[in-house]
Amino acid sequence: MTMSSEPPILEVRDLSKHFGHVIALNGVSMALRRGEVMCLLGDNGAGKSTLIKTLSGVHKPDSGEYLVEGRPVSFNSPREALEHGIATVYQDLAMIPLMSIARNFFLGSEPTTGWGIFKGFDVKKANELAREEMAKMGIDIRDPEQPVGTLSGGERQSVAIARAVYFGAKVLILDEPTSALGVKQAGVVLRYIAQARSRGVAVIFITHNPHHAYPIGDKFTILKRGKTQGTFTKAELSLEEMIRMMSGGDELERLEHELREITSQSSTSPAVSPT
């Protein structure tokens, strides 16, 4: 962890975003430091996707402040965000299944050999670098030339994480990386998030699954209907309290009451004999 006197690597203050009459974000504030994992939690429609697209330069906020390393920024595109060290890995992953792991690792920034019309992709260097850089993240790939489509979901996520770290990500935004994975593969991804944190990368882990967030998170920001319910540490928020805040405890209690009533009515209603 870095000293608290350092400005946050990424900070938003009172951020808002509207789409016509729809308020997608309403006064969102949070701060993230180097070597921290911030879990951004919320149910569907909470505003998670809009927030990460705003952080990554897809959307411009309508109001509020966005600071990177203490300096105000305004991004016009994801490329500008990436130039400031903010990399986003989306659920669908920008990978080509039939291409090799190494080709996907360097996609768009391939090492080359030769010059002029003889300039081409340096396969040997790409394979060596991909293997070395992924090993630094604790990822042991069998063959850097195997098609990335043959990897499991967790392994493909790990390639995307290692790629972002190699190309200088200071902040790594992960959009629901464990949502389509089983327990074992989700565990693989969480281990690689921990590896990125240990290398000083700040991670924003977006998820609607508190059981994936709680083991890895240093801080937890809960979104509900475009507003933050607060940012908490593990000392301030238990897993049970987190689940209650995400789901809305009062709403759950009302639902349980309604279900009990329906069950009670159905059990006391006379059976209808077939005609």
C-alpha atoms as a PDB file:
ATOM      1  CA  MET A   1       0.000   0.000   0.000  1.00  0.00           C
ATOM      2  CA  THR A   2       1.083   3.531  -0.669  1.00  0.00           C
ATOM      3  CA  MET A   3       1.310   6.317   1.893  1.00  0.00           C
ATOM      4  CA  SER A   4      -1.952   8.160   2.465  1.00  0.00           C
ATOM      5  CA  SER A   5      -0.234  11.503   1.737  1.00  0.00           C
ATOM      6  CA  GLU A   6      -0.113  10.527  -1.948  1.00  0.00           C
ATOM      7  CA  PRO A   7      -3.152  11.627  -3.948  1.00  0.00           C
ATOM      8  CA  PRO A   8      -5.461   8.815  -5.064  1.00  0.00           C
ATOM      9  CA  ILE A   9      -4.509   7.300  -8.406  1.00  0.00           C
ATOM     10  CA  LEU A  10      -8.149   7.762  -9.459  1.00  0.00           C
ATOM     11  CA  GLU A  11     -10.891   9.824  -7.856  1.00  0.00           C
ATOM     12  CA  VAL A  12     -14.370  10.997  -8.819  1.00  0.00           C
ATOM     13  CA  ARG A  13     -16.318  13.637  -6.919  1.00  0.00           C
ATOM     14  CA  ASP A  14     -20.065  14.110  -7.216  1.00  0.00           C
ATOM     15  CA  LEU A  15     -20.107  12.573 -10.707  1.00  0.00           C
ATOM     16  CA  SER A  16     -23.436  12.615 -12.586  1.00  0.00           C
ATOM     17  CA  LYS A  17     -24.538  11.342 -15.975  1.00  0.00           C
ATOM     18  CA  HIS A  18     -27.949  11.731 -17.641  1.00  0.00           C
ATOM     19  CA  PHE A  19     -29.370  10.153 -20.778  1.00  0.00           C
ATOM     20  CA  GLY A  20     -32.279  12.431 -21.606  1.00  0.00           C
ATOM     21  CA  HIS A  21     -34.610  12.270 -18.622  1.00  0.00           C
ATOM     22  CA  VAL A  22     -32.951   9.119 -17.277  1.00  0.00           C
ATOM     23  CA  ILE A  23     -30.492   9.755 -14.421  1.00  0.00           C
ATOM     24  CA  ALA A  24     -27.880   7.000 -14.775  1.00  0.00           C
ATOM     25  CA  LEU A  25     -25.425   8.395 -12.188  1.00  0.00           C
ATOM     26  CA  ASN A  26     -26.325  10.837  -9.465  1.00  0.00           C
ATOM     27  CA  GLY A  27     -23.541  12.339  -7.349  1.00  0.00           C
ATOM     28  CA  VAL A  28     -21.131   9.386  -7.331  1.00  0.00           C
ATOM     29  CA  SER A  29     -17.914   9.851  -5.327  1.00  0.00           C
ATOM     30  CA  MET A  30     -15.086   7.387  -4.699  1.00  0.00           C
ATOM     31  CA  ALA A  31     -11.284   7.258  -4.516  1.00  0.00           C
ATOM     32  CA  LEU A  32      -8.790   4.518  -5.321  1.00  0.00           C
ATOM     33  CA  ARG A  33      -5.096   4.258  -4.405  1.00  0.00           C
ATOM     34  CA  ARG A  34      -2.228   2.266  -5.880  1.00  0.00           C
ATOM     35  CA  GLY A  35      -2.187  -1.384  -4.897  1.00  0.00           C
ATOM     36  CA  GLU A  36      -5.838  -1.380  -3.811  1.00  0.00           C
ATOM     37  CA  VAL A  37      -8.761  -3.442  -5.039  1.00  0.00           C
ATOM     38  CA  MET A  38     -11.979  -1.453  -5.049  1.00  0.00           C
ATOM     39  CA  CYS A  39     -15.039  -3.648  -5.532  1.00  0.00           C
ATOM     40  CA  LEU A  40     -17.888  -1.824  -7.228  1.00  0.00           C
ATOM     41  CA  LEU A  41     -21.060  -3.661  -6.355  1.00  0.00           C
ATOM     42  CA  GLY A  42     -24.680  -3.315  -7.313  1.00  0.00           C
ATOM     43  CA  ASP A  43     -27.572  -5.164  -8.862  1.00  0.00           C
ATOM     44  CA  ASN A  44     -28.541  -4.875 -12.533  1.00  0.00           C
ATOM     45  CA  GLY A  45     -29.504  -1.280 -13.303  1.00  0.00           C
ATOM     46  CA  ALA A  46     -27.505   0.129 -10.398  1.00  0.00           C
ATOM     47  CA  GLY A  47     -25.304   2.227 -12.701  1.00  0.00           C
ATOM     48  CA  LYS A  48     -22.134   0.094 -12.717  1.00  0.00           C
ATOM     49  CA  SER A  49     -21.827  -0.056 -16.517  1.00  0.00           C
ATOM     50  CA  THR A  50     -22.403   3.677 -16.927  1.00  0.00           C
ATOM     51  CA  LEU A  51     -19.781   4.467 -14.293  1.00  0.00           C
ATOM     52  CA  ILE A  52     -17.058   2.296 -15.830  1.00  0.00           C
ATOM     53  CA  LYS A  53     -17.808   3.649 -19.317  1.00  0.00           C
ATOM     54  CA  THR A  54     -17.459   7.156 -17.888  1.00  0.00           C
ATOM     55  CA  LEU A  55     -14.166   6.262 -16.180  1.00  0.00           C
ATOM     56  CA  SER A  56     -12.825   4.626 -19.353  1.00  0.00           C
ATOM     57  CA  GLY A  57     -13.665   7.520 -21.687  1.00  0.00           C
ATOM     58  CA  VAL A  58     -16.705   6.085 -23.473  1.00  0.00           C
ATOM     59  CA  HIS A  59     -19.072   8.629 -21.848  1.00  0.00           C
ATOM     60  CA  LYS A  60     -18.425  12.171 -20.681  1.00  0.00           C
ATOM     61  CA  PRO A  61     -19.913  13.053 -17.275  1.00  0.00           C
ATOM     62  CA  ASP A  62     -22.506  15.833 -17.213  1.00  0.00           C
ATOM     63  CA  SER A  63     -21.191  17.198 -13.924  1.00  0.00           C
ATOM     64  CA  GLY A  64     -18.679  16.467 -11.199  1.00  0.00           C
ATOM     65  CA  GLU A  65     -14.901  16.059 -11.098  1.00  0.00           C
ATOM     66  CA  TYR A  66     -12.715  13.261 -12.436  1.00  0.00           C
ATOM     67  CA  LEU A  67      -9.088  13.228 -11.248  1.00  0.00           C
ATOM     68  CA  VAL A  68      -6.158  10.969 -12.096  1.00  0.00           C
ATOM     69  CA  GLU A  69      -3.141  11.246  -9.764  1.00  0.00           C
ATOM     70  CA  GLY A  70      -4.661  14.430  -8.340  1.00  0.00           C
ATOM     71  CA  ARG A  71      -5.075  16.166 -11.707  1.00  0.00           C
ATOM     72  CA  PRO A  72      -8.459  16.856 -13.361  1.00  0.00           C
ATOM     73  CA  VAL A  73      -9.018  14.940 -16.601  1.00  0.00           C
ATOM     74  CA  SER A  74     -11.624  14.861 -19.345  1.00  0.00           C
ATOM     75  CA  PHE A  75     -11.382  11.953 -21.762  1.00  0.00           C
ATOM     76  CA  ASN A  76     -12.789  12.025 -25.283  1.00  0.00           C
ATOM     77  CA  SER A  77     -12.146   8.345 -25.966  1.00  0.00           C
ATOM     78  CA  PRO A  78     -10.988   5.090 -24.347  1.00  0.00           C
ATOM     79  CA  ARG A  79      -7.614   5.605 -26.054  1.00  0.00           C
ATOM     80  CA  GLU A  80      -7.104   8.832 -24.088  1.00  0.00           C
ATOM     81  CA  ALA A  81      -7.947   7.011 -20.865  1.00  0.00           C
ATOM     82  CA  LEU A  82      -5.477   4.269 -21.782  1.00  0.00           C
ATOM     83  CA  GLU A  83      -2.770   6.882 -22.375  1.00  0.00           C
ATOM     84  CA  HIS A  84      -3.314   7.936 -18.747  1.00  0.00           C
ATOM     85  CA  GLY A  85      -2.887   4.318 -17.610  1.00  0.00           C
ATOM     86  CA  ILE A  86      -6.578   3.414 -17.234  1.00  0.00           C
ATOM     87  CA  ALA A  87      -7.261   0.054 -18.901  1.00  0.00           C
ATOM     88  CA  THR A  88     -10.656  -1.628 -19.041  1.00  0.00           C
ATOM     89  CA  VAL A  89     -11.253  -5.345 -19.575  1.00  0.00           C
ATOM     90  CA  TYR A  90     -14.844  -5.964 -20.618  1.00  0.00           C
ATOM     91  CA  GLN A  91     -16.827  -9.161 -20.185  1.00  0.00           C
ATOM     92  CA  ASP A  92     -16.674 -10.083 -23.884  1.00  0.00           C
ATOM     93  CA  LEU A  93     -12.866  -9.571 -24.030  1.00  0.00           C
ATOM     94  CA  ALA A  94     -11.228  -8.056 -27.119  1.00  0.00           C
ATOM     95  CA  MET A  95      -9.707 -11.338 -28.269  1.00  0.00           C
ATOM     96  CA  ILE A  96      -9.735 -13.374 -31.482  1.00  0.00           C
ATOM     97  CA  PRO A  97     -10.359 -17.042 -30.554  1.00  0.00           C
ATOM     98  CA  LEU A  98      -8.518 -18.584 -33.527  1.00  0.00           C
ATOM     99  CA  MET A  99      -5.368 -16.511 -32.952  1.00  0.00           C
ATOM    100  CA  SER A 100      -2.626 -17.665 -30.586  1.00  0.00           C
ATOM    101  CA  ILE A 101      -2.231 -16.527 -26.986  1.00  0.00           C
ATOM    102  CA  ALA A 102       0.857 -14.517 -27.986  1.00  0.00           C
ATOM    103  CA  ARG A 103      -0.917 -12.809 -30.907  1.00  0.00           C
ATOM    104  CA  ASN A 104      -3.821 -11.863 -28.658  1.00  0.00           C
ATOM    105  CA  PHE A 105      -1.441 -10.679 -25.951  1.00  0.00           C
ATOM    106  CA  PHE A 106       0.154  -8.175 -28.352  1.00  0.00           C
ATOM    107  CA  LEU A 107      -2.898  -7.477 -30.511  1.00  0.00           C
ATOM    108  CA  GLY A 108      -2.435  -4.018 -32.027  1.00  0.00           C
ATOM    109  CA  SER A 109       1.077  -3.588 -30.565  1.00  0.00           C
ATOM    110  CA  GLU A 110       2.949  -6.525 -32.069  1.00  0.00           C
ATOM    111  CA  PRO A 111       6.769  -6.764 -31.851  1.00  0.00           C
ATOM    112  CA  THR A 112       8.264  -6.798 -35.329  1.00  0.00           C
ATOM    113  CA  THR A 113      11.394  -7.930 -37.076  1.00  0.00           C
ATOM    114  CA  GLY A 114      13.015  -6.794 -40.314  1.00  0.00           C
ATOM    115  CA  TRP A 115      12.426  -3.482 -42.058  1.00  0.00           C
ATOM    116  CA  GLY A 116      10.555  -1.958 -44.994  1.00  0.00           C
ATOM    117  CA  ILE A 117       8.617  -4.479 -47.082  1.00  0.00           C
ATOM    118  CA  PHE A 118      10.371  -7.272 -45.161  1.00  0.00           C
ATOM    119  CA  LYS A 119       9.023  -6.078 -41.802  1.00  0.00           C
ATOM    120  CA  GLY A 120       6.833  -8.671 -40.093  1.00  0.00           C
ATOM    121  CA  PHE A 121       5.518 -10.065 -36.837  1.00  0.00           C
ATOM    122  CA  ASP A 122       8.328 -11.363 -34.603  1.00  0.00           C
ATOM    123  CA  VAL A 123       6.778 -14.658 -33.533  1.00  0.00           C
ATOM    124  CA  LYS A 124       9.725 -15.815 -31.408  1.00  0.00           C
ATOM    125  CA  LYS A 125       9.953 -12.557 -29.431  1.00  0.00           C
ATOM    126  CA  ALA A 126       6.181 -12.427 -28.952  1.00  0.00           C
ATOM    127  CA  ASN A 127       6.093 -16.000 -27.633  1.00  0.00           C
ATOM    128  CA  GLU A 128       8.990 -15.369 -25.240  1.00  0.00           C
ATOM    129  CA  LEU A 129       7.585 -12.078 -23.920  1.00  0.00           C
ATOM    130  CA  ALA A 130       4.056 -13.453 -23.527  1.00  0.00           C
ATOM    131  CA  ARG A 131       5.363 -16.435 -21.559  1.00  0.00           C
ATOM    132  CA  GLU A 132       7.639 -14.257 -19.371  1.00  0.00           C
ATOM    133  CA  GLU A 133       5.060 -11.562 -18.632  1.00  0.00           C
ATOM    134  CA  MET A 134       2.332 -14.033 -17.796  1.00  0.00           C
ATOM    135  CA  ALA A 135       4.750 -15.950 -15.557  1.00  0.00           C
ATOM    136  CA  LYS A 136       5.310 -12.719 -13.595  1.00  0.00           C
ATOM    137  CA  MET A 137       1.580 -12.751 -12.887  1.00  0.00           C
ATOM    138  CA  GLY A 138       1.819 -16.377 -11.750  1.00  0.00           C
ATOM    139  CA  ILE A 139       0.290 -17.674 -14.998  1.00  0.00           C
ATOM    140  CA  ASP A 140       1.957 -20.767 -16.463  1.00  0.00           C
ATOM    141  CA  ILE A 141       0.921 -21.156 -20.108  1.00  0.00           C
ATOM    142  CA  ARG A 142       1.646 -24.466 -21.768  1.00  0.00           C
ATOM    143  CA  ASP A 143       2.149 -23.147 -25.299  1.00  0.00           C
ATOM    144  CA  PRO A 144       1.964 -19.438 -26.268  1.00  0.00           C
ATOM    145  CA  GLU A 145       1.054 -20.505 -29.819  1.00  0.00           C
ATOM    146  CA  GLN A 146      -2.107 -22.377 -28.863  1.00  0.00           C
ATOM    147  CA  PRO A 147      -5.351 -20.661 -29.937  1.00  0.00           C
ATOM    148  CA  VAL A 148      -6.754 -18.483 -27.176  1.00  0.00           C
ATOM    149  CA  GLY A 149     -10.172 -20.000 -27.870  1.00  0.00           C
ATOM    150  CA  THR A 150      -8.952 -23.302 -26.386  1.00  0.00           C
ATOM    151  CA  LEU A 151      -8.468 -21.672 -22.971  1.00  0.00           C
ATOM    152  CA  SER A 152     -11.077 -21.691 -20.216  1.00  0.00           C
ATOM    153  CA  GLY A 153     -12.974 -18.529 -19.361  1.00  0.00           C
ATOM    154  CA  GLY A 154     -10.773 -17.893 -16.341  1.00  0.00           C
ATOM    155  CA  GLU A 155      -7.592 -18.389 -18.344  1.00  0.00           C
ATOM    156  CA  ARG A 156      -8.761 -15.966 -21.047  1.00  0.00           C
ATOM    157  CA  GLN A 157      -9.468 -13.381 -18.347  1.00  0.00           C
ATOM    158  CA  SER A 158      -5.966 -13.935 -16.981  1.00  0.00           C
ATOM    159  CA  VAL A 159      -4.443 -13.250 -20.427  1.00  0.00           C
ATOM    160  CA  ALA A 160      -6.398  -9.969 -20.621  1.00  0.00           C
ATOM    161  CA  ILE A 161      -5.290  -8.941 -17.120  1.00  0.00           C
ATOM    162  CA  ALA A 162      -1.616  -9.766 -17.796  1.00  0.00           C
ATOM    163  CA  ARG A 163      -1.768  -7.897 -21.113  1.00  0.00           C
ATOM    164  CA  ALA A 164      -3.148  -4.748 -19.478  1.00  0.00           C
ATOM    165  CA  VAL A 165      -0.490  -4.826 -16.740  1.00  0.00           C
ATOM    166  CA  TYR A 166       2.315  -5.368 -19.291  1.00  0.00           C
ATOM    167  CA  PHE A 167       1.209  -2.357 -21.336  1.00  0.00           C
ATOM    168  CA  GLY A 168       1.426  -0.070 -18.320  1.00  0.00           C
ATOM    169  CA  ALA A 169      -2.000  -0.040 -16.709  1.00  0.00           C
ATOM    170  CA  LYS A 170      -2.001   1.996 -13.495  1.00  0.00           C
ATOM    171  CA  VAL A 171      -5.713   1.387 -12.989  1.00  0.00           C
ATOM    172  CA  LEU A 172      -7.290  -1.854 -14.170  1.00  0.00           C
ATOM    173  CA  ILE A 173     -11.081  -1.836 -14.524  1.00  0.00           C
ATOM    174  CA  LEU A 174     -12.588  -5.331 -14.705  1.00  0.00           C
ATOM    175  CA  ASP A 175     -16.188  -5.562 -15.899  1.00  0.00           C
ATOM    176  CA  GLU A 176     -17.858  -8.579 -14.265  1.00  0.00           C
ATOM    177  CA  PRO A 177     -14.870 -10.893 -14.969  1.00  0.00           C
ATOM    178  CA  THR A 178     -16.314 -13.778 -12.905  1.00  0.00           C
ATOM    179  CA  SER A 179     -19.991 -13.521 -13.871  1.00  0.00           C
ATOM    180  CA  ALA A 180     -20.010 -16.408 -16.367  1.00  0.00           C
ATOM    181  CA  LEU A 181     -17.510 -18.599 -14.505  1.00  0.00           C
ATOM    182  CA  GLY A 182     -17.847 -21.518 -12.147  1.00  0.00           C
ATOM    183  CA  VAL A 183     -16.396 -21.530  -8.641  1.00  0.00           C
ATOM    184  CA  LYS A 184     -12.965 -22.895  -9.634  1.00  0.00           C
ATOM    185  CA  GLN A 185     -12.484 -20.555 -12.614  1.00  0.00           C
ATOM    186  CA  ALA A 186     -13.692 -17.554 -10.605  1.00  0.00           C
ATOM    187  CA  GLY A 187     -11.018 -18.426  -8.049  1.00  0.00           C
ATOM    188  CA  VAL A 188      -8.399 -18.367 -10.819  1.00  0.00           C
ATOM    189  CA  VAL A 189      -9.396 -14.817 -11.796  1.00  0.00           C
ATOM    190  CA  LEU A 190      -9.409 -13.624  -8.171  1.00  0.00           C
ATOM    191  CA  ARG A 191      -5.841 -14.914  -7.748  1.00  0.00           C
ATOM    192  CA  TYR A 192      -4.696 -12.906 -10.766  1.00  0.00           C
ATOM    193  CA  ILE A 193      -6.427  -9.806  -9.438  1.00  0.00           C
ATOM    194  CA  ALA A 194      -4.388 -10.291  -6.267  1.00  0.00           C
ATOM    195  CA  GLN A 195      -1.226 -10.610  -8.401  1.00  0.00           C
ATOM    196  CA  ALA A 196      -2.008  -7.308 -10.155  1.00  0.00           C
ATOM    197  CA  ARG A 197      -2.538  -5.625  -6.774  1.00  0.00           C
ATOM    198  CA  SER A 198       0.805  -6.944  -5.511  1.00  0.00           C
ATOM    199  CA  ARG A 199       2.482  -5.231  -8.483  1.00  0.00           C
ATOM    200  CA  GLY A 200       1.053  -1.867  -7.428  1.00  0.00           C
ATOM    201  CA  VAL A 201      -1.821  -1.767  -9.890  1.00  0.00           C
ATOM    202  CA  ALA A 202      -5.075  -0.261  -8.625  1.00  0.00           C
ATOM    203  CA  VAL A 203      -8.031  -2.474  -9.533  1.00  0.00           C
ATOM    204  CA  ILE A 204     -11.716  -1.659  -9.853  1.00  0.00           C
ATOM    205  CA  PHE A 205     -13.541  -4.992  -9.764  1.00  0.00           C
ATOM    206  CA  ILE A 206     -17.154  -4.639 -10.937  1.00  0.00           C
ATOM    207  CA  THR A 207     -19.444  -7.418  -9.819  1.00  0.00           C
ATOM    208  CA  HIS A 208     -22.934  -8.161  -8.574  1.00  0.00           C
ATOM    209  CA  ASN A 209     -21.627 -11.153  -6.589  1.00  0.00           C
ATOM    210  CA  PRO A 210     -20.638 -10.229  -3.012  1.00  0.00           C
ATOM    211  CA  HIS A 211     -19.152 -13.697  -2.458  1.00  0.00           C
ATOM    212  CA  HIS A 212     -16.569 -12.975  -5.173  1.00  0.00           C
ATOM    213  CA  ALA A 213     -15.943  -9.410  -3.996  1.00  0.00           C
ATOM    214  CA  TYR A 214     -15.486  -9.883  -0.268  1.00  0.00           C
ATOM    215  CA  PRO A 215     -12.401 -12.191  -0.293  1.00  0.00           C
ATOM    216  CA  ILE A 216     -10.379  -9.958  -2.658  1.00  0.00           C
ATOM    217  CA  GLY A 217     -11.592  -6.422  -1.934  1.00  0.00           C
ATOM    218  CA  ASP A 218      -9.826  -3.774   0.141  1.00  0.00           C
ATOM    219  CA  LYS A 219     -12.709  -1.325  -0.266  1.00  0.00           C
ATOM    220  CA  PHE A 220     -16.306  -1.747  -1.340  1.00  0.00           C
ATOM    221  CA  THR A 221     -18.418   0.885  -3.058  1.00  0.00           C
ATOM    222  CA  ILE A 222     -22.090  -0.027  -3.351  1.00  0.00           C
ATOM    223  CA  LEU A 223     -24.198   1.495  -6.105  1.00  0.00           C
ATOM    224  CA  LYS A 224     -27.982   1.554  -6.092  1.00  0.00           C
ATOM    225  CA  ARG A 225     -30.085   3.339  -8.702  1.00  0.00           C
ATOM    226  CA  GLY A 226     -27.177   5.522  -9.779  1.00  0.00           C
ATOM    227  CA  LYS A 227     -26.186   6.626  -6.270  1.00  0.00           C
ATOM    228  CA  THR A 228     -23.413   5.417  -3.988  1.00  0.00           C
ATOM    229  CA  GLN A 229     -24.536   3.903  -0.721  1.00  0.00           C
ATOM    230  CA  GLY A 230     -21.047   4.543   0.608  1.00  0.00           C
ATOM    231  CA  THR A 231     -17.499   3.153   0.450  1.00  0.00           C
ATOM    232  CA  PHE A 232     -16.482   0.715   3.177  1.00  0.00           C
ATOM    233  CA  THR A 233     -13.553  -1.413   4.340  1.00  0.00           C
ATOM    234  CA  LYS A 234     -13.946  -4.954   5.674  1.00  0.00           C
ATOM    235  CA  ALA A 235     -13.634  -3.569   9.201  1.00  0.00           C
ATOM    236  CA  GLU A 236     -16.679  -1.404   8.522  1.00  0.00           C
ATOM    237  CA  LEU A 237     -18.863  -3.850   6.605  1.00  0.00           C
ATOM    238  CA  SER A 238     -19.525  -7.544   7.043  1.00  0.00           C
ATOM    239  CA  LEU A 239     -20.491  -9.812   4.163  1.00  0.00           C
ATOM    240  CA  GLU A 240     -24.024 -10.098   5.533  1.00  0.00           C
ATOM    241  CA  GLU A 241     -24.375  -6.312   5.765  1.00  0.00           C
ATOM    242  CA  MET A 242     -23.051  -5.948   2.224  1.00  0.00           C
ATOM    243  CA  ILE A 243     -25.632  -8.378   0.854  1.00  0.00           C
ATOM    244  CA  ARG A 244     -28.389  -6.552   2.728  1.00  0.00           C
ATOM    245  CA  MET A 245     -27.310  -3.158   1.369  1.00  0.00           C
ATOM    246  CA  MET A 246     -27.075  -4.453  -2.190  1.00  0.00           C
ATOM    247  CA  SER A 247     -30.440  -6.166  -2.200  1.00  0.00           C
ATOM    248  CA  GLY A 248     -32.346  -3.712  -0.027  1.00  0.00           C
ATOM    249  CA  GLY A 249     -33.192  -5.370   3.262  1.00  0.00           C
ATOM    250  CA  ASP A 250     -36.635  -3.793   3.561  1.00  0.00           C
ATOM    251  CA  GLU A 251     -37.567  -4.924   0.063  1.00  0.00           C
ATOM    252  CA  LEU A 252     -36.518  -8.495   0.861  1.00  0.00           C
ATOM    253  CA  GLU A 253     -38.531  -8.509   4.056  1.00  0.00           C
ATOM    254  CA  ARG A 254     -41.628  -7.291   2.191  1.00  0.00           C
ATOM    255  CA  LEU A 255     -41.103  -9.976  -0.452  1.00  0.00           C
ATOM    256  CA  GLU A 256     -40.742 -12.707   2.194  1.00  0.00           C
ATOM    257  CA  HIS A 257     -43.973 -11.487   3.840  1.00  0.00           C
ATOM    258  CA  GLU A 258     -45.824 -11.546   0.506  1.00  0.00           C
ATOM    259  CA  LEU A 259     -44.549 -15.050  -0.292  1.00  0.00           C
ATOM    260  CA  ARG A 260     -45.650 -16.318   3.129  1.00  0.00           C
ATOM    261  CA  GLU A 261     -49.115 -14.881   2.523  1.00  0.00           C
ATOM    262  CA  ILE A 262     -49.356 -16.478  -0.930  1.00  0.00           C
ATOM    263  CA  THR A 263     -48.197 -19.832   0.465  1.00  0.00           C
ATOM    264  CA  SER A 264     -50.697 -19.573   3.320  1.00  0.00           C
ATOM    265  CA  GLN A 265     -53.568 -18.727   0.975  1.00  0.00           C
ATOM    266  CA  SER A 266     -52.736 -21.553  -1.434  1.00  0.00           C
ATOM    267  CA  SER A 267     -52.591 -24.089   1.404  1.00  0.00           C
ATOM    268  CA  THR A 268     -56.009 -23.063   2.780  1.00  0.00           C
ATOM    269  CA  SER A 269     -57.781 -22.760  -0.606  1.00  0.00           C
ATOM    270  CA  PRO A 270     -60.100 -25.709  -1.416  1.00  0.00           C
ATOM    271  CA  ALA A 271     -58.832 -28.025  -4.109  1.00  0.00           C
ATOM    272  CA  VAL A 272     -60.625 -27.702  -7.443  1.00  0.00           C
ATOM    273  CA  SER A 273     -61.845 -31.051  -8.667  1.00  0.00           C
ATOM    274  CA  PRO A 274     -61.345 -31.798 -12.356  1.00  0.00           C
ATOM    275  CA  THR A 275     -64.458 -31.573 -14.531  1.00  0.00           C
END
